[in-house]
C-alpha cells in the first residue's frame, strides 16, 4: 500500500483536474444514482481514500451532509480544497483508521480496495465505523474478461517502455472481482448488497456488452 500511496502522491497537485474527464466525473453520477435522496442533512459521512476530496465535497454540497475525507497520502490531503461541512485528515491505513466506532451514517470508498494488502480487513474496519443500518458505497475493479483483459494486455505489452508504459497504476492494483465474488466478500463482512452499478471505459468504450472497468456496490450494515 505504501508504494501505491507514493505513486499517487506524485499526482496530488493535478489530481483534481482528473474529474474534468468523463472517466472520473462518472463517479459523481454513480453516487447520485445510488443515493437518490435529495438531502442527507444532518448525517455524517466518511470518504475513505478521498484523494483531494472531490467526492467528499460533492456529498456535502449535493446531499447536505457533513463529510470527513481521509487518505494515507499527506500530499493528497494538503491539496484538498476546503469547503463547507467538510474536513480532511491524513490517516496511516484504511484498515486502522483510529476513528471511533459507529460514527458514520454512510461511507464512500472509491477505487481504494484494489491497492490494500487485505481488502477484507478494510471492509471490517469500515463496518466498525458505520452506525447500525449505515450505508457503504464501495467501488472495485471488474474482473470480467471483457472489462479486464484488454487493459491488462496493453499493460503487459507496453511494460518494457518504462515510464511511457500504459496503465502504470496496474503496478500497484492487486485485486479485482466478479460481481458474485465481491457480493460474497461483502456478505462475509456483515453487509447486505442492495444495488450494483457497472461503469468505466474499456479502451475508449463506456461499456462493452454491459461490462465497464469498475463496479460500485451499495450495501447496508447488518
C-alpha atoms as a PDB file:
ATOM      1  CA  UNK A   1       0.000   0.000   0.000  1.00  0.00           C
ATOM      2  CA  UNK A   2       2.874   2.392   0.755  1.00  0.00           C
ATOM      3  CA  UNK A   3       4.093   2.055  -2.828  1.00  0.00           C
ATOM      4  CA  UNK A   4       0.623   2.908  -4.144  1.00  0.00           C
ATOM      5  CA  UNK A   5       0.403   5.901  -1.812  1.00  0.00           C
ATOM      6  CA  UNK A   6       3.769   7.177  -3.074  1.00  0.00           C
ATOM      7  CA  UNK A   7       2.732   6.617  -6.696  1.00  0.00           C
ATOM      8  CA  UNK A   8      -0.476   8.627  -6.367  1.00  0.00           C
ATOM      9  CA  UNK A   9       1.093  11.285  -4.135  1.00  0.00           C
ATOM     10  CA  UNK A  10       3.193  12.367  -7.104  1.00  0.00           C
ATOM     11  CA  UNK A  11      -0.027  13.354  -8.894  1.00  0.00           C
ATOM     12  CA  UNK A  12      -1.619  15.177  -5.958  1.00  0.00           C
ATOM     13  CA  UNK A  13      -1.241  18.707  -7.328  1.00  0.00           C
ATOM     14  CA  UNK A  14      -3.086  17.881 -10.548  1.00  0.00           C
ATOM     15  CA  UNK A  15      -5.389  15.152  -9.233  1.00  0.00           C
ATOM     16  CA  UNK A  16      -8.446  17.407  -9.134  1.00  0.00           C
ATOM     17  CA  UNK A  17      -8.193  18.027 -12.883  1.00  0.00           C
ATOM     18  CA  UNK A  18      -8.923  14.336 -13.499  1.00  0.00           C
ATOM     19  CA  UNK A  19     -12.558  14.997 -12.618  1.00  0.00           C
ATOM     20  CA  UNK A  20     -12.892  17.177 -15.703  1.00  0.00           C
ATOM     21  CA  UNK A  21     -12.684  13.928 -17.691  1.00  0.00           C
ATOM     22  CA  UNK A  22     -15.678  11.659 -18.176  1.00  0.00           C
ATOM     23  CA  UNK A  23     -13.766   8.638 -16.897  1.00  0.00           C
ATOM     24  CA  UNK A  24     -13.550  10.261 -13.465  1.00  0.00           C
ATOM     25  CA  UNK A  25     -16.621  12.517 -13.363  1.00  0.00           C
ATOM     26  CA  UNK A  26     -18.865   9.474 -13.880  1.00  0.00           C
ATOM     27  CA  UNK A  27     -18.139   8.575 -10.250  1.00  0.00           C
ATOM     28  CA  UNK A  28     -20.281  11.512  -9.136  1.00  0.00           C
ATOM     29  CA  UNK A  29     -23.055  10.371 -11.475  1.00  0.00           C
ATOM     30  CA  UNK A  30     -22.970   6.884  -9.962  1.00  0.00           C
ATOM     31  CA  UNK A  31     -23.086   8.279  -6.423  1.00  0.00           C
ATOM     32  CA  UNK A  32     -26.071  10.395  -7.397  1.00  0.00           C
ATOM     33  CA  UNK A  33     -27.796   7.343  -8.832  1.00  0.00           C
ATOM     34  CA  UNK A  34     -27.146   5.193  -5.767  1.00  0.00           C
ATOM     35  CA  UNK A  35     -28.083   7.993  -3.350  1.00  0.00           C
ATOM     36  CA  UNK A  36     -31.302   9.295  -4.899  1.00  0.00           C
ATOM     37  CA  UNK A  37     -32.494  11.070  -1.748  1.00  0.00           C
ATOM     38  CA  UNK A  38     -32.027  14.818  -2.379  1.00  0.00           C
ATOM     39  CA  UNK A  39     -30.808  15.529   1.133  1.00  0.00           C
ATOM     40  CA  UNK A  40     -28.792  13.698   3.765  1.00  0.00           C
ATOM     41  CA  UNK A  41     -28.884  16.738   6.016  1.00  0.00           C
ATOM     42  CA  UNK A  42     -27.536  16.126   9.485  1.00  0.00           C
ATOM     43  CA  UNK A  43     -25.901  12.841   8.542  1.00  0.00           C
ATOM     44  CA  UNK A  44     -22.176  12.185   8.943  1.00  0.00           C
ATOM     45  CA  UNK A  45     -20.376  10.558   6.016  1.00  0.00           C
ATOM     46  CA  UNK A  46     -16.826   9.337   5.516  1.00  0.00           C
ATOM     47  CA  UNK A  47     -14.888   9.392   2.248  1.00  0.00           C
ATOM     48  CA  UNK A  48     -12.302   6.669   2.857  1.00  0.00           C
ATOM     49  CA  UNK A  49      -9.402   7.249   0.480  1.00  0.00           C
ATOM     50  CA  UNK A  50     -10.595  10.714  -0.503  1.00  0.00           C
ATOM     51  CA  UNK A  51      -7.685  11.841  -2.684  1.00  0.00           C
ATOM     52  CA  UNK A  52      -8.078  15.612  -2.992  1.00  0.00           C
ATOM     53  CA  UNK A  53     -11.642  15.478  -1.709  1.00  0.00           C
ATOM     54  CA  UNK A  54     -13.811  15.714  -4.816  1.00  0.00           C
ATOM     55  CA  UNK A  55     -16.387  13.148  -3.730  1.00  0.00           C
ATOM     56  CA  UNK A  56     -16.388  14.382  -0.125  1.00  0.00           C
ATOM     57  CA  UNK A  57     -17.236  17.893  -1.323  1.00  0.00           C
ATOM     58  CA  UNK A  58     -19.863  16.501  -3.690  1.00  0.00           C
ATOM     59  CA  UNK A  59     -21.609  14.741  -0.807  1.00  0.00           C
ATOM     60  CA  UNK A  60     -21.573  17.879   1.325  1.00  0.00           C
ATOM     61  CA  UNK A  61     -22.705  20.194  -1.456  1.00  0.00           C
ATOM     62  CA  UNK A  62     -25.227  17.977  -3.277  1.00  0.00           C
ATOM     63  CA  UNK A  63     -26.598  15.988  -0.333  1.00  0.00           C
ATOM     64  CA  UNK A  64     -26.236  18.369   2.595  1.00  0.00           C
ATOM     65  CA  UNK A  65     -24.335  16.005   4.895  1.00  0.00           C
ATOM     66  CA  UNK A  66     -21.197  16.531   6.954  1.00  0.00           C
ATOM     67  CA  UNK A  67     -18.240  14.725   5.417  1.00  0.00           C
ATOM     68  CA  UNK A  68     -14.836  13.681   6.660  1.00  0.00           C
ATOM     69  CA  UNK A  69     -12.318  12.779   3.975  1.00  0.00           C
ATOM     70  CA  UNK A  70      -9.337  10.650   4.967  1.00  0.00           C
ATOM     71  CA  UNK A  71      -6.365   9.497   2.949  1.00  0.00           C
ATOM     72  CA  UNK A  72      -2.974   7.941   3.625  1.00  0.00           C
ATOM     73  CA  UNK A  73      -1.284  10.471   1.334  1.00  0.00           C
ATOM     74  CA  UNK A  74      -0.263  13.689   3.076  1.00  0.00           C
ATOM     75  CA  UNK A  75       0.197  15.280  -0.350  1.00  0.00           C
ATOM     76  CA  UNK A  76      -3.387  14.491  -1.325  1.00  0.00           C
ATOM     77  CA  UNK A  77      -4.726  15.935   1.936  1.00  0.00           C
ATOM     78  CA  UNK A  78      -2.575  19.045   1.505  1.00  0.00           C
ATOM     79  CA  UNK A  79      -4.195  19.626  -1.890  1.00  0.00           C
ATOM     80  CA  UNK A  80      -7.801  19.249  -0.707  1.00  0.00           C
ATOM     81  CA  UNK A  81      -9.846  22.383  -1.390  1.00  0.00           C
ATOM     82  CA  UNK A  82     -11.689  23.490   1.757  1.00  0.00           C
ATOM     83  CA  UNK A  83     -15.473  23.528   1.565  1.00  0.00           C
ATOM     84  CA  UNK A  84     -18.437  23.961   3.858  1.00  0.00           C
ATOM     85  CA  UNK A  85     -19.267  20.970   6.072  1.00  0.00           C
ATOM     86  CA  UNK A  86     -16.113  19.081   5.043  1.00  0.00           C
ATOM     87  CA  UNK A  87     -12.980  18.133   6.918  1.00  0.00           C
ATOM     88  CA  UNK A  88      -9.875  16.377   5.625  1.00  0.00           C
ATOM     89  CA  UNK A  89      -7.414  14.313   7.622  1.00  0.00           C
ATOM     90  CA  UNK A  90      -4.436  12.060   6.951  1.00  0.00           C
ATOM     91  CA  UNK A  91      -4.614   8.530   8.354  1.00  0.00           C
ATOM     92  CA  UNK A  92      -1.982   5.828   8.450  1.00  0.00           C
ATOM     93  CA  UNK A  93      -4.057   2.995   6.990  1.00  0.00           C
ATOM     94  CA  UNK A  94      -7.645   2.427   5.877  1.00  0.00           C
ATOM     95  CA  UNK A  95      -7.544  -0.859   7.799  1.00  0.00           C
ATOM     96  CA  UNK A  96      -6.757   1.025  11.040  1.00  0.00           C
ATOM     97  CA  UNK A  97      -8.288   4.486  10.802  1.00  0.00           C
ATOM     98  CA  UNK A  98      -8.231   5.254  14.529  1.00  0.00           C
ATOM     99  CA  UNK A  99     -11.764   6.695  14.270  1.00  0.00           C
ATOM    100  CA  UNK A 100     -14.463   5.864  16.860  1.00  0.00           C
ATOM    101  CA  UNK A 101     -16.954   3.019  16.467  1.00  0.00           C
ATOM    102  CA  UNK A 102     -20.351   3.657  14.844  1.00  0.00           C
ATOM    103  CA  UNK A 103     -19.537   7.252  13.900  1.00  0.00           C
ATOM    104  CA  UNK A 104     -20.905   7.474  10.362  1.00  0.00           C
ATOM    105  CA  UNK A 105     -24.280   7.151   8.655  1.00  0.00           C
ATOM    106  CA  UNK A 106     -22.506   6.331   5.412  1.00  0.00           C
ATOM    107  CA  UNK A 107     -19.099   5.593   3.903  1.00  0.00           C
ATOM    108  CA  UNK A 108     -17.841   6.086   0.354  1.00  0.00           C
ATOM    109  CA  UNK A 109     -14.760   4.098  -0.630  1.00  0.00           C
ATOM    110  CA  UNK A 110     -13.967   4.702  -4.304  1.00  0.00           C
ATOM    111  CA  UNK A 111     -11.195   2.770  -6.071  1.00  0.00           C
ATOM    112  CA  UNK A 112      -9.189   2.052  -2.918  1.00  0.00           C
ATOM    113  CA  UNK A 113      -9.552  -1.625  -2.005  1.00  0.00           C
ATOM    114  CA  UNK A 114      -7.644  -2.794  -5.066  1.00  0.00           C
ATOM    115  CA  UNK A 115      -4.466  -1.327  -3.537  1.00  0.00           C
ATOM    116  CA  UNK A 116      -4.651  -2.604   0.037  1.00  0.00           C
ATOM    117  CA  UNK A 117      -2.977  -5.831   1.092  1.00  0.00           C
ATOM    118  CA  UNK A 118      -6.093  -7.131   2.856  1.00  0.00           C
ATOM    119  CA  UNK A 119      -9.416  -5.853   1.433  1.00  0.00           C
ATOM    120  CA  UNK A 120     -11.359  -7.911   3.972  1.00  0.00           C
ATOM    121  CA  UNK A 121      -9.634  -6.111   6.852  1.00  0.00           C
ATOM    122  CA  UNK A 122     -10.505  -2.770   5.257  1.00  0.00           C
ATOM    123  CA  UNK A 123     -14.168  -3.761   4.919  1.00  0.00           C
ATOM    124  CA  UNK A 124     -14.277  -4.940   8.538  1.00  0.00           C
ATOM    125  CA  UNK A 125     -12.884  -1.564   9.595  1.00  0.00           C
ATOM    126  CA  UNK A 126     -15.495   0.305   7.536  1.00  0.00           C
ATOM    127  CA  UNK A 127     -18.204  -1.902   9.061  1.00  0.00           C
ATOM    128  CA  UNK A 128     -16.950  -0.899  12.513  1.00  0.00           C
ATOM    129  CA  UNK A 129     -17.151   2.803  11.654  1.00  0.00           C
ATOM    130  CA  UNK A 130     -20.751   2.631  10.408  1.00  0.00           C
ATOM    131  CA  UNK A 131     -23.816   3.089  12.574  1.00  0.00           C
ATOM    132  CA  UNK A 132     -26.414   0.268  12.558  1.00  0.00           C
ATOM    133  CA  UNK A 133     -28.066   0.141   9.117  1.00  0.00           C
ATOM    134  CA  UNK A 134     -25.405   2.508   7.782  1.00  0.00           C
ATOM    135  CA  UNK A 135     -24.660   2.584   4.063  1.00  0.00           C
ATOM    136  CA  UNK A 136     -21.447   1.622   2.287  1.00  0.00           C
ATOM    137  CA  UNK A 137     -20.811   2.713  -1.293  1.00  0.00           C
ATOM    138  CA  UNK A 138     -17.671   0.957  -2.479  1.00  0.00           C
ATOM    139  CA  UNK A 139     -16.155   0.522  -5.940  1.00  0.00           C
ATOM    140  CA  UNK A 140     -13.717  -2.162  -7.091  1.00  0.00           C
ATOM    141  CA  UNK A 141     -12.227  -3.230 -10.442  1.00  0.00           C
ATOM    142  CA  UNK A 142     -14.401  -5.502 -12.554  1.00  0.00           C
ATOM    143  CA  UNK A 143     -12.667  -8.837 -13.189  1.00  0.00           C
ATOM    144  CA  UNK A 144     -14.976  -9.773 -16.057  1.00  0.00           C
ATOM    145  CA  UNK A 145     -12.698 -10.753 -19.001  1.00  0.00           C
ATOM    146  CA  UNK A 146     -14.329  -8.258 -21.382  1.00  0.00           C
ATOM    147  CA  UNK A 147     -13.559  -5.407 -18.991  1.00  0.00           C
ATOM    148  CA  UNK A 148     -10.225  -6.564 -17.585  1.00  0.00           C
ATOM    149  CA  UNK A 149      -8.249  -8.402 -20.232  1.00  0.00           C
ATOM    150  CA  UNK A 150      -7.873  -5.623 -22.849  1.00  0.00           C
ATOM    151  CA  UNK A 151      -6.371  -3.298 -20.242  1.00  0.00           C
ATOM    152  CA  UNK A 152      -4.091  -5.983 -18.824  1.00  0.00           C
ATOM    153  CA  UNK A 153      -2.919  -6.998 -22.295  1.00  0.00           C
ATOM    154  CA  UNK A 154      -1.853  -3.466 -23.193  1.00  0.00           C
ATOM    155  CA  UNK A 155      -0.223  -3.058 -19.771  1.00  0.00           C
ATOM    156  CA  UNK A 156       1.958  -6.136 -20.273  1.00  0.00           C
ATOM    157  CA  UNK A 157       2.750  -5.327 -23.918  1.00  0.00           C
ATOM    158  CA  UNK A 158       3.971  -1.824 -23.028  1.00  0.00           C
ATOM    159  CA  UNK A 159       5.598  -2.568 -19.673  1.00  0.00           C
ATOM    160  CA  UNK A 160       9.083  -2.579 -21.200  1.00  0.00           C
ATOM    161  CA  UNK A 161       8.604   1.101 -22.160  1.00  0.00           C
ATOM    162  CA  UNK A 162       9.278   2.170 -18.594  1.00  0.00           C
ATOM    163  CA  UNK A 163       7.659   5.470 -17.615  1.00  0.00           C
ATOM    164  CA  UNK A 164       5.990   5.659 -21.043  1.00  0.00           C
ATOM    165  CA  UNK A 165       4.059   2.431 -20.494  1.00  0.00           C
ATOM    166  CA  UNK A 166       0.275   2.381 -20.397  1.00  0.00           C
ATOM    167  CA  UNK A 167      -1.839   1.902 -17.257  1.00  0.00           C
ATOM    168  CA  UNK A 168       1.005   2.346 -14.777  1.00  0.00           C
ATOM    169  CA  UNK A 169      -1.432   2.102 -11.865  1.00  0.00           C
ATOM    170  CA  UNK A 170      -1.581  -1.644 -12.511  1.00  0.00           C
ATOM    171  CA  UNK A 171       1.876  -1.887 -10.937  1.00  0.00           C
ATOM    172  CA  UNK A 172       0.035  -1.399  -7.647  1.00  0.00           C
ATOM    173  CA  UNK A 173      -3.542  -2.554  -8.298  1.00  0.00           C
ATOM    174  CA  UNK A 174      -3.622  -6.110  -6.929  1.00  0.00           C
ATOM    175  CA  UNK A 175      -7.309  -7.050  -6.557  1.00  0.00           C
ATOM    176  CA  UNK A 176     -10.253  -7.323  -8.943  1.00  0.00           C
ATOM    177  CA  UNK A 177     -13.554  -9.143  -8.552  1.00  0.00           C
ATOM    178  CA  UNK A 178     -16.511 -10.586 -10.323  1.00  0.00           C
ATOM    179  CA  UNK A 179     -19.831  -9.265  -9.067  1.00  0.00           C
ATOM    180  CA  UNK A 180     -20.538 -12.559  -7.310  1.00  0.00           C
ATOM    181  CA  UNK A 181     -17.105 -12.666  -5.640  1.00  0.00           C
ATOM    182  CA  UNK A 182     -17.451  -9.196  -4.184  1.00  0.00           C
ATOM    183  CA  UNK A 183     -21.042  -9.772  -3.099  1.00  0.00           C
ATOM    184  CA  UNK A 184     -19.826 -12.781  -1.128  1.00  0.00           C
ATOM    185  CA  UNK A 185     -16.966 -10.801   0.384  1.00  0.00           C
ATOM    186  CA  UNK A 186     -19.327  -8.043   1.494  1.00  0.00           C
ATOM    187  CA  UNK A 187     -21.749 -10.583   2.933  1.00  0.00           C
ATOM    188  CA  UNK A 188     -18.958 -12.262   4.892  1.00  0.00           C
ATOM    189  CA  UNK A 189     -18.023  -8.881   6.395  1.00  0.00           C
ATOM    190  CA  UNK A 190     -21.530  -8.131   7.652  1.00  0.00           C
ATOM    191  CA  UNK A 191     -23.054  -6.240   4.730  1.00  0.00           C
ATOM    192  CA  UNK A 192     -26.117  -6.855   2.564  1.00  0.00           C
ATOM    193  CA  UNK A 193     -25.854  -5.660  -1.055  1.00  0.00           C
ATOM    194  CA  UNK A 194     -28.774  -3.510  -2.178  1.00  0.00           C
ATOM    195  CA  UNK A 195     -27.619  -2.418  -5.646  1.00  0.00           C
ATOM    196  CA  UNK A 196     -24.689  -2.644  -8.084  1.00  0.00           C
ATOM    197  CA  UNK A 197     -23.720  -0.343 -10.940  1.00  0.00           C
ATOM    198  CA  UNK A 198     -21.074  -1.141 -13.577  1.00  0.00           C
ATOM    199  CA  UNK A 199     -19.271   1.807 -15.162  1.00  0.00           C
ATOM    200  CA  UNK A 200     -15.940   2.957 -16.560  1.00  0.00           C
ATOM    201  CA  UNK A 201     -14.393   2.968 -20.003  1.00  0.00           C
ATOM    202  CA  UNK A 202     -12.764  -0.018 -21.649  1.00  0.00           C
ATOM    203  CA  UNK A 203     -10.318   1.273 -24.286  1.00  0.00           C
ATOM    204  CA  UNK A 204     -12.488   4.275 -25.053  1.00  0.00           C
ATOM    205  CA  UNK A 205     -15.811   2.438 -24.952  1.00  0.00           C
ATOM    206  CA  UNK A 206     -18.001   3.332 -21.974  1.00  0.00           C
ATOM    207  CA  UNK A 207     -19.022  -0.308 -21.614  1.00  0.00           C
ATOM    208  CA  UNK A 208     -18.589  -3.428 -23.703  1.00  0.00           C
ATOM    209  CA  UNK A 209     -21.544  -5.819 -23.586  1.00  0.00           C
ATOM    210  CA  UNK A 210     -22.614  -4.125 -20.360  1.00  0.00           C
ATOM    211  CA  UNK A 211     -19.209  -4.523 -18.721  1.00  0.00           C
ATOM    212  CA  UNK A 212     -17.283  -1.470 -17.525  1.00  0.00           C
ATOM    213  CA  UNK A 213     -13.943  -1.441 -15.764  1.00  0.00           C
ATOM    214  CA  UNK A 214     -15.431  -0.698 -12.332  1.00  0.00           C
ATOM    215  CA  UNK A 215     -18.347  -1.780 -10.178  1.00  0.00           C
ATOM    216  CA  UNK A 216     -19.874   0.244  -7.352  1.00  0.00           C
ATOM    217  CA  UNK A 217     -21.868  -1.551  -4.695  1.00  0.00           C
ATOM    218  CA  UNK A 218     -24.437  -0.050  -2.360  1.00  0.00           C
ATOM    219  CA  UNK A 219     -24.582  -2.199   0.777  1.00  0.00           C
ATOM    220  CA  UNK A 220     -26.188  -1.836   4.187  1.00  0.00           C
ATOM    221  CA  UNK A 221     -24.590  -2.775   7.501  1.00  0.00           C
ATOM    222  CA  UNK A 222     -26.407  -5.685   9.087  1.00  0.00           C
END
